[in-house]
Amino acid sequence: MARKENADTAANPGRLKQIALTYKMTRRADSKVGLVVAGVGIVTFGVFLAVGFLINHPIYLGILGFILAFLAMAIIFGRRAERAAFGQMEGQPGAAAAVLENVGRGWTTTPAVAMNRNQDVVHRAVGKAGIVLVGEGNPNRVKGLLAAEKKRMARIVVDVPVHDIIVGDSDGQVPLKKVRTTMLKLPRVLAGPQVTAANDRLRAMGDLMSNMPLPKGPMPKGMRMPKGGGKPR
């Protein structure tokens, strides 16, 4: 029991340090984040407290308002921190892979399943919506990579829908900050066992990067791409 309490005590400073680092990172890109988050908390608490006085239950509504104010502050801070992180990653090779790693539970992400020497790359995510291929790089070259990968998916997992996304700000593309939302809006058509079976077949097939260690987050700009210009068929 004492060991568990010591572990929890040691973990708390780590969490607080992580929150502080996230705040500093966010504040560099969003100088008003502190004022906005504090304002949301004060307004939320103030509204509940005022209602509490009106109905003669200031203590009850005050406690409820404090809890909901803290929750609202956490939500707003999380969204602005996420927006700041996307802003810093945008335009960097491999940024979409970092987004896919944080889509949420139920998704299995494999970065760089197809790539060429120009650092155009396709990442893959598998979930209850099927297979989602996310390409980033030059749109014209990425379209070719996506088409080749979709054709390959059709041969291996014929009963699984395959969606494709090109990251960018032009027509027909999806901005980096909206990739996660776009994926979560896709209709869920597969059951859990079907998702597992699809992942097993894809894992058995192997991937371009399966034997190459890939760091999480944006890829280093100096990283050399395979000279083969894609994945062997």
Protein backbone atom coordinates (compact mmCIF):
# COMPACT_ATOMS: atom_id res chain seq x y z
CA MET A 1 0.00 0.00 0.00
CA ALA A 2 2.83 2.37 0.92
CA ARG A 3 4.57 1.59 -2.35
CA LYS A 4 1.43 2.51 -4.31
CA GLU A 5 1.12 5.84 -2.46
CA ASN A 6 4.78 6.61 -3.14
CA ALA A 7 4.32 5.78 -6.83
CA ASP A 8 1.27 8.05 -7.05
CA THR A 9 3.15 10.86 -5.31
CA ALA A 10 6.06 10.49 -7.69
CA ALA A 11 3.73 10.45 -10.69
CA ASN A 12 1.91 13.68 -9.77
CA PRO A 13 4.93 15.99 -10.25
CA GLY A 14 5.41 14.37 -13.66
CA ARG A 15 1.83 15.14 -14.67
CA LEU A 16 2.06 18.69 -13.38
CA LYS A 17 5.32 19.19 -15.26
CA GLN A 18 3.73 17.87 -18.44
CA ILE A 19 0.78 20.27 -18.05
CA ALA A 20 3.19 23.15 -17.46
CA LEU A 21 5.22 22.27 -20.56
CA THR A 22 2.03 21.98 -22.63
CA TYR A 23 0.91 25.39 -21.39
CA LYS A 24 4.26 26.98 -22.28
CA MET A 25 4.17 25.43 -25.75
CA THR A 26 0.59 26.58 -26.29
CA ARG A 27 1.29 30.09 -25.02
CA ARG A 28 4.09 30.54 -27.57
CA ALA A 29 1.55 30.02 -30.36
CA ASP A 30 -1.52 31.38 -28.55
CA SER A 31 -0.63 34.27 -26.23
CA LYS A 32 -4.24 34.64 -25.02
CA VAL A 33 -4.70 31.05 -23.89
CA GLY A 34 -4.32 31.91 -20.18
CA LEU A 35 -6.86 34.74 -20.30
CA VAL A 36 -9.35 32.71 -22.32
CA VAL A 37 -9.16 29.64 -20.06
CA ALA A 38 -9.38 31.76 -16.89
CA GLY A 39 -12.28 33.74 -18.35
CA VAL A 40 -14.22 30.56 -19.15
CA GLY A 41 -13.70 29.31 -15.60
CA ILE A 42 -14.73 32.57 -13.94
CA VAL A 43 -17.83 33.03 -16.09
CA THR A 44 -18.97 29.42 -15.61
CA PHE A 45 -18.50 29.56 -11.85
CA GLY A 46 -20.10 33.01 -11.63
CA VAL A 47 -23.21 31.95 -13.53
CA PHE A 48 -23.81 28.90 -11.31
CA LEU A 49 -23.14 30.90 -8.15
CA ALA A 50 -25.58 33.63 -9.23
CA VAL A 51 -28.25 31.03 -9.97
CA GLY A 52 -27.55 29.49 -6.56
CA PHE A 53 -28.27 32.78 -4.81
CA LEU A 54 -31.46 33.22 -6.84
CA ILE A 55 -32.82 29.84 -5.77
CA ASN A 56 -31.38 30.04 -2.23
CA HIS A 57 -28.85 27.23 -2.78
CA PRO A 58 -25.56 29.11 -3.20
CA ILE A 59 -23.39 26.42 -1.60
CA TYR A 60 -24.76 23.56 -3.69
CA LEU A 61 -24.66 25.51 -6.95
CA GLY A 62 -21.29 26.99 -6.01
CA ILE A 63 -19.73 23.54 -5.61
CA LEU A 64 -21.37 22.34 -8.83
CA GLY A 65 -20.25 25.50 -10.62
CA PHE A 66 -16.65 25.03 -9.43
CA ILE A 67 -16.53 21.47 -10.74
CA LEU A 68 -18.08 22.40 -14.10
CA ALA A 69 -15.85 25.46 -14.38
CA PHE A 70 -12.78 23.27 -13.93
CA LEU A 71 -14.12 20.84 -16.55
CA ALA A 72 -14.84 23.68 -19.01
CA MET A 73 -11.35 25.12 -18.48
CA ALA A 74 -9.78 21.71 -19.16
CA ILE A 75 -11.79 21.26 -22.37
CA ILE A 76 -10.97 24.75 -23.70
CA PHE A 77 -7.30 24.40 -22.79
CA GLY A 78 -7.13 21.00 -24.49
CA ARG A 79 -8.65 22.33 -27.70
CA ARG A 80 -6.37 25.36 -27.86
CA ALA A 81 -3.32 23.23 -27.05
CA GLU A 82 -4.29 20.83 -29.83
CA ARG A 83 -4.73 23.73 -32.26
CA ALA A 84 -1.32 25.12 -31.31
CA ALA A 85 0.30 21.71 -31.77
CA PHE A 86 -1.27 21.33 -35.22
CA GLY A 87 -0.02 24.79 -36.16
CA GLN A 88 3.54 23.83 -35.26
CA MET A 89 3.37 20.47 -37.06
CA GLU A 90 1.65 21.71 -40.21
CA GLY A 91 3.86 21.48 -43.27
CA GLN A 92 6.35 19.08 -41.67
CA PRO A 93 6.83 15.64 -43.25
CA GLY A 94 5.12 12.97 -41.15
CA ALA A 95 2.80 15.39 -39.34
CA ALA A 96 -0.26 13.37 -40.35
CA ALA A 97 1.24 10.26 -38.73
CA ALA A 98 1.42 12.11 -35.40
CA VAL A 99 -2.25 13.07 -35.77
CA LEU A 100 -3.28 9.49 -36.56
CA GLU A 101 -1.49 8.19 -33.47
CA ASN A 102 -3.88 10.33 -31.41
CA VAL A 103 -7.16 9.66 -33.21
CA GLY A 104 -8.43 7.59 -30.30
CA ARG A 105 -9.08 4.07 -29.14
CA GLY A 106 -10.22 1.52 -31.67
CA TRP A 107 -7.83 2.65 -34.39
CA THR A 108 -4.60 0.89 -35.36
CA THR A 109 -2.16 3.21 -37.12
CA THR A 110 0.72 2.22 -39.38
CA PRO A 111 2.83 5.18 -40.54
CA ALA A 112 4.47 5.31 -43.96
CA VAL A 113 2.99 2.28 -45.69
CA ALA A 114 3.96 3.86 -49.01
CA MET A 115 6.57 6.49 -49.76
CA ASN A 116 8.70 7.90 -52.56
CA ARG A 117 12.03 9.68 -52.74
CA ASN A 118 10.28 13.08 -52.70
CA GLN A 119 8.99 12.38 -49.17
CA ASP A 120 5.41 12.04 -50.34
CA VAL A 121 3.97 9.47 -47.96
CA VAL A 122 0.82 7.47 -47.22
CA HIS A 123 -0.14 6.39 -43.70
CA ARG A 124 -2.78 3.81 -42.82
CA ALA A 125 -5.32 3.59 -40.01
CA VAL A 126 -7.70 0.67 -39.46
CA GLY A 127 -10.84 0.89 -37.36
CA LYS A 128 -14.56 0.19 -37.39
CA ALA A 129 -14.96 2.61 -40.32
CA GLY A 130 -12.64 0.40 -42.38
CA ILE A 131 -9.23 1.35 -43.74
CA VAL A 132 -8.29 5.02 -44.00
CA LEU A 133 -5.28 5.95 -46.13
CA VAL A 134 -3.92 9.41 -45.38
CA GLY A 135 -1.51 10.95 -47.88
CA GLU A 136 0.65 14.02 -47.42
CA GLY A 137 2.99 15.73 -49.83
CA ASN A 138 2.58 16.93 -53.41
CA PRO A 139 -1.12 16.30 -54.26
CA ASN A 140 -0.42 15.02 -57.78
CA ARG A 141 2.19 12.52 -56.63
CA VAL A 142 0.19 11.54 -53.53
CA LYS A 143 -2.82 10.65 -55.68
CA GLY A 144 -0.70 8.06 -57.46
CA LEU A 145 0.54 6.59 -54.18
CA LEU A 146 -3.00 6.44 -52.81
CA ALA A 147 -4.38 4.81 -55.97
CA ALA A 148 -1.67 2.12 -55.90
CA GLU A 149 -2.21 1.46 -52.19
CA LYS A 150 -6.01 1.28 -52.58
CA LYS A 151 -5.59 -1.25 -55.39
CA ARG A 152 -3.36 -3.32 -53.14
CA MET A 153 -5.86 -3.12 -50.27
CA ALA A 154 -8.63 -4.31 -52.59
CA ARG A 155 -6.68 -7.49 -53.29
CA ILE A 156 -5.94 -8.25 -49.64
CA VAL A 157 -9.04 -7.11 -47.74
CA VAL A 158 -11.81 -7.25 -50.32
CA ASP A 159 -14.62 -7.02 -47.75
CA VAL A 160 -13.33 -3.88 -46.00
CA PRO A 161 -14.14 -0.32 -47.19
CA VAL A 162 -11.11 1.83 -48.02
CA HIS A 163 -11.22 5.62 -47.61
CA ASP A 164 -8.53 8.06 -48.68
CA ILE A 165 -7.61 11.52 -47.41
CA ILE A 166 -5.09 13.99 -48.80
CA VAL A 167 -3.82 16.44 -46.20
CA GLY A 168 -3.81 20.05 -47.37
CA ASP A 169 -5.76 23.27 -47.62
CA SER A 170 -6.88 23.11 -51.27
CA ASP A 171 -10.25 21.95 -52.61
CA GLY A 172 -10.81 18.25 -52.06
CA GLN A 173 -8.17 18.11 -49.35
CA VAL A 174 -8.49 17.96 -45.56
CA PRO A 175 -6.56 20.40 -43.32
CA LEU A 176 -4.29 18.70 -40.80
CA LYS A 177 -6.35 19.96 -37.85
CA LYS A 178 -9.50 18.36 -39.31
CA VAL A 179 -8.08 14.91 -40.14
CA ARG A 180 -9.08 13.41 -36.78
CA THR A 181 -12.61 14.87 -36.95
CA THR A 182 -13.06 13.66 -40.53
CA MET A 183 -12.07 10.13 -39.58
CA LEU A 184 -14.34 10.02 -36.55
CA LYS A 185 -17.30 11.08 -38.71
CA LEU A 186 -16.90 8.08 -41.03
CA PRO A 187 -19.70 5.52 -40.63
CA ARG A 188 -18.80 2.49 -38.54
CA VAL A 189 -19.49 -0.55 -40.65
CA LEU A 190 -17.21 -3.21 -39.13
CA ALA A 191 -17.52 -5.20 -35.93
CA GLY A 192 -14.59 -5.71 -33.58
CA PRO A 193 -13.66 -9.20 -34.90
CA GLN A 194 -13.69 -7.88 -38.49
CA VAL A 195 -11.29 -5.08 -37.53
CA THR A 196 -8.98 -7.61 -35.86
CA ALA A 197 -9.09 -9.89 -38.90
CA ALA A 198 -8.28 -6.99 -41.25
CA ASN A 199 -5.34 -5.94 -39.08
CA ASP A 200 -4.04 -9.51 -39.01
CA ARG A 201 -4.13 -9.78 -42.81
CA LEU A 202 -2.42 -6.42 -43.25
CA ARG A 203 0.20 -7.27 -40.63
CA ALA A 204 0.97 -10.56 -42.39
CA MET A 205 1.38 -8.65 -45.65
CA GLY A 206 4.12 -6.47 -44.15
CA ASP A 207 4.78 -2.79 -44.72
CA LEU A 208 7.46 -0.61 -46.20
CA MET A 209 8.56 0.62 -42.78
CA SER A 210 8.13 -2.63 -40.85
CA ASN A 211 11.86 -3.15 -40.57
CA MET A 212 12.77 0.52 -40.29
CA PRO A 213 12.42 2.25 -36.90
CA LEU A 214 10.23 5.35 -37.23
CA PRO A 215 10.12 7.93 -34.43
CA LYS A 216 6.72 9.19 -33.31
CA GLY A 217 5.77 12.62 -34.55
CA PRO A 218 7.05 14.48 -37.62
CA MET A 219 9.83 12.73 -39.51
CA PRO A 220 13.30 14.30 -39.44
CA LYS A 221 13.77 16.49 -42.50
CA GLY A 222 17.14 14.92 -43.26
CA MET A 223 15.76 11.38 -43.32
CA ARG A 224 16.62 9.58 -46.59
CA MET A 225 13.79 7.97 -48.47
CA PRO A 226 14.10 4.54 -50.10
CA LYS A 227 15.31 4.76 -53.69
CA GLY A 228 12.69 2.33 -54.87
CA GLY A 229 10.03 5.09 -54.97
CA GLY A 230 7.31 3.19 -53.19
CA LYS A 231 6.52 -0.23 -51.95
CA PRO A 232 7.45 -3.40 -53.79
CA ARG A 233 4.50 -5.23 -55.22
